[in-house]
């Protein structure tokens, strides 16, 4: 399986944002409009690639830019 550093970094940022807001993974999953938390969990671990729609939803939920989420040289 090919590793994607930017994708892994997105997952780390998502995890950090979730923890900063005191959200559980289930709460985040629900807030993003998903029913099961497995997909979001695998994103946080860097094992799955997020869709463009998910990136936009995360950006809106946490009031950050998509660049902050996707570019490795920017922190959130």
PDB file of N, CA and C in Angstrom:
ATOM      1  N   UNK A   1       0.831  -1.179   0.000  1.00  0.00           N
ATOM      2  CA  UNK A   1       0.000   0.000   0.000  1.00  0.00           C
ATOM      3  C   UNK A   1       0.875   1.241   0.000  1.00  0.00           C
ATOM      4  N   UNK A   2       0.591   2.171  -0.901  1.00  0.00           N
ATOM      5  CA  UNK A   2       1.369   3.393  -1.004  1.00  0.00           C
ATOM      6  C   UNK A   2       0.990   4.345   0.121  1.00  0.00           C
ATOM      7  N   UNK A   3       2.000   5.000   0.698  1.00  0.00           N
ATOM      8  CA  UNK A   3       1.756   5.934   1.790  1.00  0.00           C
ATOM      9  C   UNK A   3       1.681   7.347   1.239  1.00  0.00           C
ATOM     10  N   UNK A   4       0.755   8.117   1.759  1.00  0.00           N
ATOM     11  CA  UNK A   4       0.548   9.495   1.336  1.00  0.00           C
ATOM     12  C   UNK A   4       0.755  10.409   2.541  1.00  0.00           C
ATOM     13  N   UNK A   5       1.936  11.034   2.673  1.00  0.00           N
ATOM     14  CA  UNK A   5       2.216  11.862   3.854  1.00  0.00           C
ATOM     15  C   UNK A   5       1.192  12.969   4.073  1.00  0.00           C
ATOM     16  N   UNK A   6       0.740  13.621   3.019  1.00  0.00           N
ATOM     17  CA  UNK A   6      -0.234  14.699   3.184  1.00  0.00           C
ATOM     18  C   UNK A   6      -1.558  14.167   3.719  1.00  0.00           C
ATOM     19  N   UNK A   7      -1.921  12.958   3.308  1.00  0.00           N
ATOM     20  CA  UNK A   7      -3.160  12.347   3.791  1.00  0.00           C
ATOM     21  C   UNK A   7      -3.026  11.989   5.267  1.00  0.00           C
ATOM     22  N   UNK A   8      -1.888  11.455   5.634  1.00  0.00           N
ATOM     23  CA  UNK A   8      -1.646  11.133   7.043  1.00  0.00           C
ATOM     24  C   UNK A   8      -1.669  12.409   7.875  1.00  0.00           C
ATOM     25  N   UNK A   9      -1.087  13.473   7.348  1.00  0.00           N
ATOM     26  CA  UNK A   9      -1.072  14.762   8.061  1.00  0.00           C
ATOM     27  C   UNK A   9      -2.485  15.299   8.209  1.00  0.00           C
ATOM     28  N   UNK A  10      -3.333  15.142   7.192  1.00  0.00           N
ATOM     29  CA  UNK A  10      -4.734  15.561   7.300  1.00  0.00           C
ATOM     30  C   UNK A  10      -5.397  14.845   8.466  1.00  0.00           C
ATOM     31  N   UNK A  11      -5.172  13.550   8.578  1.00  0.00           N
ATOM     32  CA  UNK A  11      -5.741  12.779   9.670  1.00  0.00           C
ATOM     33  C   UNK A  11      -5.257  13.261  11.027  1.00  0.00           C
ATOM     34  N   UNK A  12      -3.982  13.603  11.120  1.00  0.00           N
ATOM     35  CA  UNK A  12      -3.433  14.131  12.372  1.00  0.00           C
ATOM     36  C   UNK A  12      -4.093  15.461  12.726  1.00  0.00           C
ATOM     37  N   UNK A  13      -4.268  16.309  11.730  1.00  0.00           N
ATOM     38  CA  UNK A  13      -4.906  17.600  11.963  1.00  0.00           C
ATOM     39  C   UNK A  13      -6.364  17.420  12.367  1.00  0.00           C
ATOM     40  N   UNK A  14      -7.058  16.503  11.716  1.00  0.00           N
ATOM     41  CA  UNK A  14      -8.445  16.232  12.067  1.00  0.00           C
ATOM     42  C   UNK A  14      -8.534  15.749  13.517  1.00  0.00           C
ATOM     43  N   UNK A  15      -7.665  14.849  13.888  1.00  0.00           N
ATOM     44  CA  UNK A  15      -7.634  14.340  15.260  1.00  0.00           C
ATOM     45  C   UNK A  15      -7.392  15.477  16.254  1.00  0.00           C
ATOM     46  N   UNK A  16      -6.421  16.334  15.946  1.00  0.00           N
ATOM     47  CA  UNK A  16      -6.091  17.451  16.826  1.00  0.00           C
ATOM     48  C   UNK A  16      -7.276  18.407  16.976  1.00  0.00           C
ATOM     49  N   UNK A  17      -7.926  18.745  15.870  1.00  0.00           N
ATOM     50  CA  UNK A  17      -9.082  19.640  15.927  1.00  0.00           C
ATOM     51  C   UNK A  17     -10.207  19.030  16.762  1.00  0.00           C
ATOM     52  N   UNK A  18     -10.443  17.757  16.558  1.00  0.00           N
ATOM     53  CA  UNK A  18     -11.489  17.068  17.313  1.00  0.00           C
ATOM     54  C   UNK A  18     -11.183  17.107  18.805  1.00  0.00           C
ATOM     55  N   UNK A  19      -9.955  16.819  19.173  1.00  0.00           N
ATOM     56  CA  UNK A  19      -9.560  16.801  20.587  1.00  0.00           C
ATOM     57  C   UNK A  19      -9.614  18.201  21.194  1.00  0.00           C
ATOM     58  N   UNK A  20      -9.203  19.220  20.420  1.00  0.00           N
ATOM     59  CA  UNK A  20      -9.260  20.595  20.912  1.00  0.00           C
ATOM     60  C   UNK A  20     -10.685  21.008  21.250  1.00  0.00           C
ATOM     61  N   UNK A  21     -11.635  20.494  20.498  1.00  0.00           N
ATOM     62  CA  UNK A  21     -13.046  20.817  20.737  1.00  0.00           C
ATOM     63  C   UNK A  21     -13.694  19.883  21.758  1.00  0.00           C
ATOM     64  N   UNK A  22     -12.943  18.926  22.263  1.00  0.00           N
ATOM     65  CA  UNK A  22     -13.476  18.007  23.261  1.00  0.00           C
ATOM     66  C   UNK A  22     -14.520  17.052  22.696  1.00  0.00           C
ATOM     67  N   UNK A  23     -14.410  16.744  21.406  1.00  0.00           N
ATOM     68  CA  UNK A  23     -15.373  15.863  20.750  1.00  0.00           C
ATOM     69  C   UNK A  23     -14.871  14.425  20.742  1.00  0.00           C
ATOM     70  N   UNK A  24     -15.802  13.508  20.896  1.00  0.00           N
ATOM     71  CA  UNK A  24     -15.460  12.106  20.689  1.00  0.00           C
ATOM     72  C   UNK A  24     -15.502  11.843  19.187  1.00  0.00           C
ATOM     73  N   UNK A  25     -14.971  10.716  18.790  1.00  0.00           N
ATOM     74  CA  UNK A  25     -15.002  10.376  17.365  1.00  0.00           C
ATOM     75  C   UNK A  25     -16.441  10.178  16.896  1.00  0.00           C
ATOM     76  N   UNK A  26     -17.271   9.670  17.762  1.00  0.00           N
ATOM     77  CA  UNK A  26     -18.693   9.491  17.408  1.00  0.00           C
ATOM     78  C   UNK A  26     -19.386  10.843  17.238  1.00  0.00           C
ATOM     79  N   UNK A  27     -19.075  11.806  18.095  1.00  0.00           N
ATOM     80  CA  UNK A  27     -19.654  13.141  17.969  1.00  0.00           C
ATOM     81  C   UNK A  27     -19.204  13.813  16.673  1.00  0.00           C
ATOM     82  N   UNK A  28     -17.919  13.659  16.354  1.00  0.00           N
ATOM     83  CA  UNK A  28     -17.408  14.223  15.110  1.00  0.00           C
ATOM     84  C   UNK A  28     -18.080  13.575  13.910  1.00  0.00           C
ATOM     85  N   UNK A  29     -18.196  12.278  13.937  1.00  0.00           N
ATOM     86  CA  UNK A  29     -18.832  11.544  12.848  1.00  0.00           C
ATOM     87  C   UNK A  29     -20.248  12.048  12.608  1.00  0.00           C
ATOM     88  N   UNK A  30     -20.986  12.209  13.674  1.00  0.00           N
ATOM     89  CA  UNK A  30     -22.358  12.700  13.579  1.00  0.00           C
ATOM     90  C   UNK A  30     -22.393  14.129  13.046  1.00  0.00           C
ATOM     91  N   UNK A  31     -21.506  14.988  13.541  1.00  0.00           N
ATOM     92  CA  UNK A  31     -21.457  16.385  13.107  1.00  0.00           C
ATOM     93  C   UNK A  31     -21.120  16.502  11.616  1.00  0.00           C
ATOM     94  N   UNK A  32     -20.376  15.535  11.105  1.00  0.00           N
ATOM     95  CA  UNK A  32     -20.002  15.546   9.689  1.00  0.00           C
ATOM     96  C   UNK A  32     -21.042  14.860   8.818  1.00  0.00           C
ATOM     97  N   UNK A  33     -22.072  14.289   9.433  1.00  0.00           N
ATOM     98  CA  UNK A  33     -23.161  13.691   8.678  1.00  0.00           C
ATOM     99  C   UNK A  33     -22.972  12.223   8.320  1.00  0.00           C
ATOM    100  N   UNK A  34     -22.092  11.540   9.029  1.00  0.00           N
ATOM    101  CA  UNK A  34     -21.873  10.112   8.793  1.00  0.00           C
ATOM    102  C   UNK A  34     -22.534   9.313   9.901  1.00  0.00           C
ATOM    103  N   UNK A  35     -22.899   8.082   9.599  1.00  0.00           N
ATOM    104  CA  UNK A  35     -23.565   7.265  10.612  1.00  0.00           C
ATOM    105  C   UNK A  35     -22.592   6.360  11.361  1.00  0.00           C
ATOM    106  N   UNK A  36     -21.610   5.821  10.694  1.00  0.00           N
ATOM    107  CA  UNK A  36     -20.622   4.954  11.335  1.00  0.00           C
ATOM    108  C   UNK A  36     -19.305   5.693  11.494  1.00  0.00           C
ATOM    109  N   UNK A  37     -18.571   5.392  12.536  1.00  0.00           N
ATOM    110  CA  UNK A  37     -17.333   6.130  12.788  1.00  0.00           C
ATOM    111  C   UNK A  37     -16.084   5.474  12.195  1.00  0.00           C
ATOM    112  N   UNK A  38     -16.207   4.311  11.588  1.00  0.00           N
ATOM    113  CA  UNK A  38     -15.046   3.606  11.051  1.00  0.00           C
ATOM    114  C   UNK A  38     -14.285   4.388   9.999  1.00  0.00           C
ATOM    115  N   UNK A  39     -15.012   5.031   9.085  1.00  0.00           N
ATOM    116  CA  UNK A  39     -14.370   5.801   8.015  1.00  0.00           C
ATOM    117  C   UNK A  39     -13.579   6.969   8.595  1.00  0.00           C
ATOM    118  N   UNK A  40     -14.187   7.715   9.502  1.00  0.00           N
ATOM    119  CA  UNK A  40     -13.513   8.879  10.098  1.00  0.00           C
ATOM    120  C   UNK A  40     -12.310   8.411  10.913  1.00  0.00           C
ATOM    121  N   UNK A  41     -12.465   7.317  11.619  1.00  0.00           N
ATOM    122  CA  UNK A  41     -11.350   6.776  12.400  1.00  0.00           C
ATOM    123  C   UNK A  41     -10.186   6.397  11.480  1.00  0.00           C
ATOM    124  N   UNK A  42     -10.486   5.774  10.355  1.00  0.00           N
ATOM    125  CA  UNK A  42      -9.406   5.384   9.437  1.00  0.00           C
ATOM    126  C   UNK A  42      -8.757   6.610   8.795  1.00  0.00           C
ATOM    127  N   UNK A  43      -9.516   7.689   8.632  1.00  0.00           N
ATOM    128  CA  UNK A  43      -8.944   8.948   8.138  1.00  0.00           C
ATOM    129  C   UNK A  43      -7.967   9.493   9.177  1.00  0.00           C
ATOM    130  N   UNK A  44      -8.386   9.519  10.431  1.00  0.00           N
ATOM    131  CA  UNK A  44      -7.511  10.024  11.495  1.00  0.00           C
ATOM    132  C   UNK A  44      -6.214   9.225  11.585  1.00  0.00           C
ATOM    133  N   UNK A  45      -6.283   7.949  11.311  1.00  0.00           N
ATOM    134  CA  UNK A  45      -5.091   7.099  11.365  1.00  0.00           C
ATOM    135  C   UNK A  45      -4.245   7.192  10.095  1.00  0.00           C
ATOM    136  N   UNK A  46      -4.761   7.892   9.080  1.00  0.00           N
ATOM    137  CA  UNK A  46      -4.032   8.016   7.817  1.00  0.00           C
ATOM    138  C   UNK A  46      -4.143   6.797   6.937  1.00  0.00           C
ATOM    139  N   UNK A  47      -5.115   5.936   7.209  1.00  0.00           N
ATOM    140  CA  UNK A  47      -5.275   4.702   6.442  1.00  0.00           C
ATOM    141  C   UNK A  47      -6.223   4.858   5.259  1.00  0.00           C
ATOM    142  N   UNK A  48      -7.053   5.894   5.287  1.00  0.00           N
ATOM    143  CA  UNK A  48      -7.992   6.152   4.193  1.00  0.00           C
ATOM    144  C   UNK A  48      -7.835   7.579   3.714  1.00  0.00           C
ATOM    145  N   UNK A  49      -8.109   7.770   2.439  1.00  0.00           N
ATOM    146  CA  UNK A  49      -8.046   9.111   1.863  1.00  0.00           C
ATOM    147  C   UNK A  49      -9.393   9.802   2.027  1.00  0.00           C
ATOM    148  N   UNK A  50      -9.382  11.059   2.469  1.00  0.00           N
ATOM    149  CA  UNK A  50     -10.643  11.780   2.586  1.00  0.00           C
ATOM    150  C   UNK A  50     -11.148  12.209   1.213  1.00  0.00           C
ATOM    151  N   UNK A  51     -12.451  12.274   1.086  1.00  0.00           N
ATOM    152  CA  UNK A  51     -13.035  12.804  -0.143  1.00  0.00           C
ATOM    153  C   UNK A  51     -12.975  14.323  -0.082  1.00  0.00           C
ATOM    154  N   UNK A  52     -13.139  14.952  -1.236  1.00  0.00           N
ATOM    155  CA  UNK A  52     -13.175  16.412  -1.281  1.00  0.00           C
ATOM    156  C   UNK A  52     -14.328  16.936  -0.434  1.00  0.00           C
ATOM    157  N   UNK A  53     -15.446  16.224  -0.472  1.00  0.00           N
ATOM    158  CA  UNK A  53     -16.616  16.628   0.320  1.00  0.00           C
ATOM    159  C   UNK A  53     -16.292  16.599   1.813  1.00  0.00           C
ATOM    160  N   UNK A  54     -15.599  15.578   2.268  1.00  0.00           N
ATOM    161  CA  UNK A  54     -15.240  15.491   3.683  1.00  0.00           C
ATOM    162  C   UNK A  54     -14.317  16.641   4.071  1.00  0.00           C
ATOM    163  N   UNK A  55     -13.335  16.935   3.241  1.00  0.00           N
ATOM    164  CA  UNK A  55     -12.407  18.036   3.531  1.00  0.00           C
ATOM    165  C   UNK A  55     -13.186  19.341   3.688  1.00  0.00           C
ATOM    166  N   UNK A  56     -14.138  19.583   2.798  1.00  0.00           N
ATOM    167  CA  UNK A  56     -14.957  20.797   2.887  1.00  0.00           C
ATOM    168  C   UNK A  56     -15.800  20.813   4.154  1.00  0.00           C
ATOM    169  N   UNK A  57     -16.390  19.686   4.500  1.00  0.00           N
ATOM    170  CA  UNK A  57     -17.211  19.603   5.723  1.00  0.00           C
ATOM    171  C   UNK A  57     -16.375  19.869   6.971  1.00  0.00           C
ATOM    172  N   UNK A  58     -15.170  19.295   7.017  1.00  0.00           N
ATOM    173  CA  UNK A  58     -14.280  19.503   8.159  1.00  0.00           C
ATOM    174  C   UNK A  58     -13.883  20.971   8.251  1.00  0.00           C
ATOM    175  N   UNK A  59     -13.544  21.574   7.119  1.00  0.00           N
ATOM    176  CA  UNK A  59     -13.158  22.986   7.099  1.00  0.00           C
ATOM    177  C   UNK A  59     -14.285  23.866   7.632  1.00  0.00           C
ATOM    178  N   UNK A  60     -15.511  23.600   7.192  1.00  0.00           N
ATOM    179  CA  UNK A  60     -16.647  24.401   7.655  1.00  0.00           C
ATOM    180  C   UNK A  60     -16.933  24.150   9.132  1.00  0.00           C
ATOM    181  N   UNK A  61     -16.873  22.901   9.561  1.00  0.00           N
ATOM    182  CA  UNK A  61     -17.168  22.563  10.945  1.00  0.00           C
ATOM    183  C   UNK A  61     -16.199  23.238  11.913  1.00  0.00           C
ATOM    184  N   UNK A  62     -14.927  23.231  11.574  1.00  0.00           N
ATOM    185  CA  UNK A  62     -13.907  23.756  12.477  1.00  0.00           C
ATOM    186  C   UNK A  62     -13.449  25.169  12.116  1.00  0.00           C
ATOM    187  N   UNK A  63     -14.099  25.774  11.111  1.00  0.00           N
ATOM    188  CA  UNK A  63     -13.795  27.147  10.707  1.00  0.00           C
ATOM    189  C   UNK A  63     -12.314  27.338  10.367  1.00  0.00           C
ATOM    190  N   UNK A  64     -11.808  26.438   9.533  1.00  0.00           N
ATOM    191  CA  UNK A  64     -10.443  26.521   9.025  1.00  0.00           C
ATOM    192  C   UNK A  64     -10.512  26.436   7.503  1.00  0.00           C
ATOM    193  N   UNK A  65      -9.417  26.719   6.841  1.00  0.00           N
ATOM    194  CA  UNK A  65      -9.404  26.631   5.386  1.00  0.00           C
ATOM    195  C   UNK A  65      -9.004  25.227   4.944  1.00  0.00           C
ATOM    196  N   UNK A  66      -9.368  24.902   3.724  1.00  0.00           N
ATOM    197  CA  UNK A  66      -8.949  23.611   3.181  1.00  0.00           C
ATOM    198  C   UNK A  66      -7.432  23.578   3.022  1.00  0.00           C
ATOM    199  N   UNK A  67      -6.818  24.713   2.730  1.00  0.00           N
ATOM    200  CA  UNK A  67      -5.355  24.766   2.655  1.00  0.00           C
ATOM    201  C   UNK A  67      -4.731  24.396   3.991  1.00  0.00           C
ATOM    202  N   UNK A  68      -5.299  24.890   5.083  1.00  0.00           N
ATOM    203  CA  UNK A  68      -4.758  24.553   6.393  1.00  0.00           C
ATOM    204  C   UNK A  68      -4.857  23.057   6.649  1.00  0.00           C
ATOM    205  N   UNK A  69      -5.890  22.443   6.152  1.00  0.00           N
ATOM    206  CA  UNK A  69      -6.072  21.007   6.361  1.00  0.00           C
ATOM    207  C   UNK A  69      -5.199  20.171   5.449  1.00  0.00           C
ATOM    208  N   UNK A  70      -4.978  20.621   4.239  1.00  0.00           N
ATOM    209  CA  UNK A  70      -4.305  19.783   3.250  1.00  0.00           C
ATOM    210  C   UNK A  70      -2.821  20.073   3.044  1.00  0.00           C
ATOM    211  N   UNK A  71      -2.433  21.309   3.228  1.00  0.00           N
ATOM    212  CA  UNK A  71      -1.033  21.640   3.002  1.00  0.00           C
ATOM    213  C   UNK A  71      -0.215  21.337   4.238  1.00  0.00           C
ATOM    214  N   UNK A  72       0.863  20.612   4.036  1.00  0.00           N
ATOM    215  CA  UNK A  72       1.680  20.175   5.164  1.00  0.00           C
ATOM    216  C   UNK A  72       2.426  21.322   5.833  1.00  0.00           C
ATOM    217  N   UNK A  73       2.634  22.409   5.110  1.00  0.00           N
ATOM    218  CA  UNK A  73       3.398  23.513   5.673  1.00  0.00           C
ATOM    219  C   UNK A  73       2.542  24.486   6.490  1.00  0.00           C
ATOM    220  N   UNK A  74       1.257  24.201   6.596  1.00  0.00           N
ATOM    221  CA  UNK A  74       0.355  25.043   7.389  1.00  0.00           C
ATOM    222  C   UNK A  74      -0.198  24.259   8.548  1.00  0.00           C
ATOM    223  N   UNK A  75      -0.239  24.894   9.704  1.00  0.00           N
ATOM    224  CA  UNK A  75      -0.825  24.258  10.887  1.00  0.00           C
ATOM    225  C   UNK A  75      -2.200  24.830  11.143  1.00  0.00           C
ATOM    226  N   UNK A  76      -2.977  24.101  11.893  1.00  0.00           N
ATOM    227  CA  UNK A  76      -4.312  24.566  12.284  1.00  0.00           C
ATOM    228  C   UNK A  76      -4.308  24.868  13.769  1.00  0.00           C
TER     229      UNK A  76
END
